[in-house]
N, C-alpha and C. Protein backbone atom coordinates (compact mmCIF):
# COMPACT_ATOMS: atom_id res chain seq x y z
N MET A 1 -11.01 3.55 -9.79
CA MET A 1 -11.78 4.13 -8.69
C MET A 1 -12.90 3.17 -8.33
N ARG A 2 -12.99 2.81 -7.08
CA ARG A 2 -14.08 1.96 -6.63
C ARG A 2 -15.36 2.78 -6.55
N THR A 3 -16.46 2.14 -6.87
CA THR A 3 -17.76 2.82 -6.85
C THR A 3 -18.72 2.11 -5.91
N ALA A 4 -19.80 2.77 -5.62
CA ALA A 4 -20.89 2.21 -4.83
C ALA A 4 -22.19 2.77 -5.38
N ASN A 5 -23.26 1.99 -5.26
CA ASN A 5 -24.56 2.46 -5.73
C ASN A 5 -25.19 3.32 -4.65
N LEU A 6 -25.53 4.55 -5.02
CA LEU A 6 -26.10 5.49 -4.08
C LEU A 6 -27.55 5.74 -4.45
N ASN A 7 -28.37 4.77 -4.15
CA ASN A 7 -29.81 4.81 -4.41
C ASN A 7 -30.14 5.41 -5.78
N GLY A 8 -30.85 6.51 -5.84
CA GLY A 8 -31.30 7.09 -7.09
C GLY A 8 -30.21 7.70 -7.95
N LEU A 9 -29.02 7.91 -7.38
CA LEU A 9 -27.92 8.50 -8.16
C LEU A 9 -27.18 7.47 -8.99
N GLY A 10 -27.37 6.21 -8.70
CA GLY A 10 -26.64 5.17 -9.41
C GLY A 10 -25.24 4.99 -8.84
N ASP A 11 -24.33 4.49 -9.67
CA ASP A 11 -22.96 4.25 -9.22
C ASP A 11 -22.18 5.55 -9.16
N VAL A 12 -21.55 5.80 -8.03
CA VAL A 12 -20.70 6.98 -7.83
C VAL A 12 -19.39 6.52 -7.19
N SER A 13 -18.38 7.36 -7.30
CA SER A 13 -17.10 7.03 -6.68
C SER A 13 -17.24 6.96 -5.17
N ARG A 14 -16.45 6.09 -4.55
CA ARG A 14 -16.49 5.99 -3.09
C ARG A 14 -15.80 7.17 -2.43
N LEU A 15 -14.94 7.84 -3.16
CA LEU A 15 -14.32 9.08 -2.68
C LEU A 15 -15.14 10.24 -3.21
N SER A 16 -15.16 11.34 -2.47
CA SER A 16 -15.91 12.51 -2.91
C SER A 16 -15.08 13.77 -2.71
N LEU A 17 -15.53 14.83 -3.33
CA LEU A 17 -14.93 16.15 -3.14
C LEU A 17 -15.98 17.02 -2.49
N GLY A 18 -15.60 17.73 -1.43
CA GLY A 18 -16.57 18.55 -0.71
C GLY A 18 -16.07 19.95 -0.44
N GLY A 19 -15.94 20.29 0.82
CA GLY A 19 -15.67 21.65 1.26
C GLY A 19 -14.38 22.27 0.78
N GLY A 20 -13.49 21.52 0.20
CA GLY A 20 -12.23 22.06 -0.26
C GLY A 20 -12.36 23.08 -1.36
N ILE A 21 -13.52 23.16 -2.03
CA ILE A 21 -13.69 24.13 -3.10
C ILE A 21 -14.61 25.28 -2.68
N GLY A 22 -15.06 25.29 -1.45
CA GLY A 22 -16.01 26.30 -1.02
C GLY A 22 -15.49 27.30 -0.01
N GLN A 23 -14.19 27.46 0.08
CA GLN A 23 -13.53 28.40 0.98
C GLN A 23 -13.73 28.06 2.45
N ILE A 24 -14.02 26.81 2.74
CA ILE A 24 -14.16 26.39 4.14
C ILE A 24 -12.80 26.42 4.84
N TRP A 25 -11.73 26.07 4.13
CA TRP A 25 -10.40 25.97 4.75
C TRP A 25 -9.57 27.23 4.51
N GLY A 26 -10.19 28.30 4.06
CA GLY A 26 -9.48 29.55 3.83
C GLY A 26 -9.76 30.09 2.44
N GLU A 27 -9.16 31.22 2.14
CA GLU A 27 -9.33 31.89 0.86
C GLU A 27 -8.98 30.96 -0.30
N THR A 28 -9.87 30.89 -1.27
CA THR A 28 -9.67 30.06 -2.45
C THR A 28 -10.05 30.87 -3.68
N SER A 29 -9.13 30.96 -4.63
CA SER A 29 -9.44 31.69 -5.86
C SER A 29 -10.29 30.81 -6.78
N ARG A 30 -10.93 31.44 -7.75
CA ARG A 30 -11.73 30.69 -8.73
C ARG A 30 -10.84 29.70 -9.49
N ASP A 31 -9.65 30.15 -9.89
CA ASP A 31 -8.72 29.27 -10.63
C ASP A 31 -8.31 28.07 -9.79
N GLU A 32 -8.06 28.29 -8.50
CA GLU A 32 -7.69 27.22 -7.60
C GLU A 32 -8.83 26.22 -7.42
N ALA A 33 -10.04 26.74 -7.27
CA ALA A 33 -11.22 25.87 -7.12
C ALA A 33 -11.44 25.04 -8.38
N LEU A 34 -11.32 25.66 -9.55
CA LEU A 34 -11.50 24.93 -10.81
C LEU A 34 -10.42 23.87 -10.99
N ALA A 35 -9.18 24.20 -10.64
CA ALA A 35 -8.09 23.22 -10.75
C ALA A 35 -8.35 22.03 -9.83
N THR A 36 -8.84 22.29 -8.63
CA THR A 36 -9.17 21.21 -7.69
C THR A 36 -10.28 20.33 -8.25
N LEU A 37 -11.31 20.95 -8.79
CA LEU A 37 -12.43 20.20 -9.37
C LEU A 37 -11.96 19.35 -10.55
N HIS A 38 -11.18 19.94 -11.44
CA HIS A 38 -10.69 19.19 -12.60
C HIS A 38 -9.79 18.02 -12.18
N ALA A 39 -8.93 18.23 -11.19
CA ALA A 39 -8.06 17.16 -10.70
C ALA A 39 -8.87 16.01 -10.12
N ALA A 40 -9.92 16.35 -9.37
CA ALA A 40 -10.77 15.31 -8.78
C ALA A 40 -11.47 14.50 -9.86
N VAL A 41 -12.05 15.17 -10.83
CA VAL A 41 -12.76 14.47 -11.91
C VAL A 41 -11.78 13.64 -12.73
N ASP A 42 -10.60 14.19 -13.02
CA ASP A 42 -9.58 13.43 -13.76
C ASP A 42 -9.14 12.19 -13.01
N ALA A 43 -9.19 12.23 -11.68
CA ALA A 43 -8.81 11.09 -10.85
C ALA A 43 -9.94 10.06 -10.70
N GLY A 44 -11.11 10.37 -11.27
CA GLY A 44 -12.22 9.42 -11.22
C GLY A 44 -13.28 9.72 -10.19
N ILE A 45 -13.18 10.83 -9.50
CA ILE A 45 -14.19 11.19 -8.51
C ILE A 45 -15.43 11.70 -9.24
N SER A 46 -16.55 11.07 -8.94
CA SER A 46 -17.81 11.45 -9.59
C SER A 46 -18.87 11.94 -8.61
N LEU A 47 -18.51 12.01 -7.34
CA LEU A 47 -19.44 12.50 -6.32
C LEU A 47 -18.91 13.82 -5.78
N ILE A 48 -19.57 14.92 -6.18
CA ILE A 48 -19.16 16.26 -5.78
C ILE A 48 -20.22 16.80 -4.81
N ASP A 49 -19.80 17.06 -3.57
CA ASP A 49 -20.71 17.54 -2.54
C ASP A 49 -20.74 19.07 -2.58
N CYS A 50 -21.85 19.63 -2.94
CA CYS A 50 -22.01 21.09 -3.03
C CYS A 50 -23.04 21.58 -2.03
N ALA A 51 -22.96 21.10 -0.81
CA ALA A 51 -23.90 21.50 0.23
C ALA A 51 -23.86 23.00 0.46
N PRO A 52 -24.99 23.62 0.76
CA PRO A 52 -25.05 25.08 0.99
C PRO A 52 -24.09 25.56 2.07
N MET A 53 -23.75 24.71 3.04
CA MET A 53 -22.84 25.13 4.12
C MET A 53 -21.43 25.40 3.61
N TYR A 54 -21.12 24.98 2.37
CA TYR A 54 -19.79 25.20 1.81
C TYR A 54 -19.64 26.57 1.18
N ASN A 55 -20.53 27.48 1.47
CA ASN A 55 -20.49 28.86 0.97
C ASN A 55 -20.53 28.93 -0.55
N ASN A 56 -19.39 29.07 -1.19
CA ASN A 56 -19.32 29.32 -2.63
C ASN A 56 -19.24 28.06 -3.48
N ALA A 57 -19.49 26.91 -2.92
CA ALA A 57 -19.39 25.67 -3.71
C ALA A 57 -20.46 25.67 -4.79
């Protein structure tokens, strides 16, 4: 996974996970959200966007 330095956060993955776990694209179960999060982290994603606009993120 390629990384970039994001100021005070240090090196983070260039890919991120965002609204896909916050029910933005439709109904998402807790198990589905956790599976998505685990898959992203297992793939090397270290930047998780949990902005308030993502509802349940």
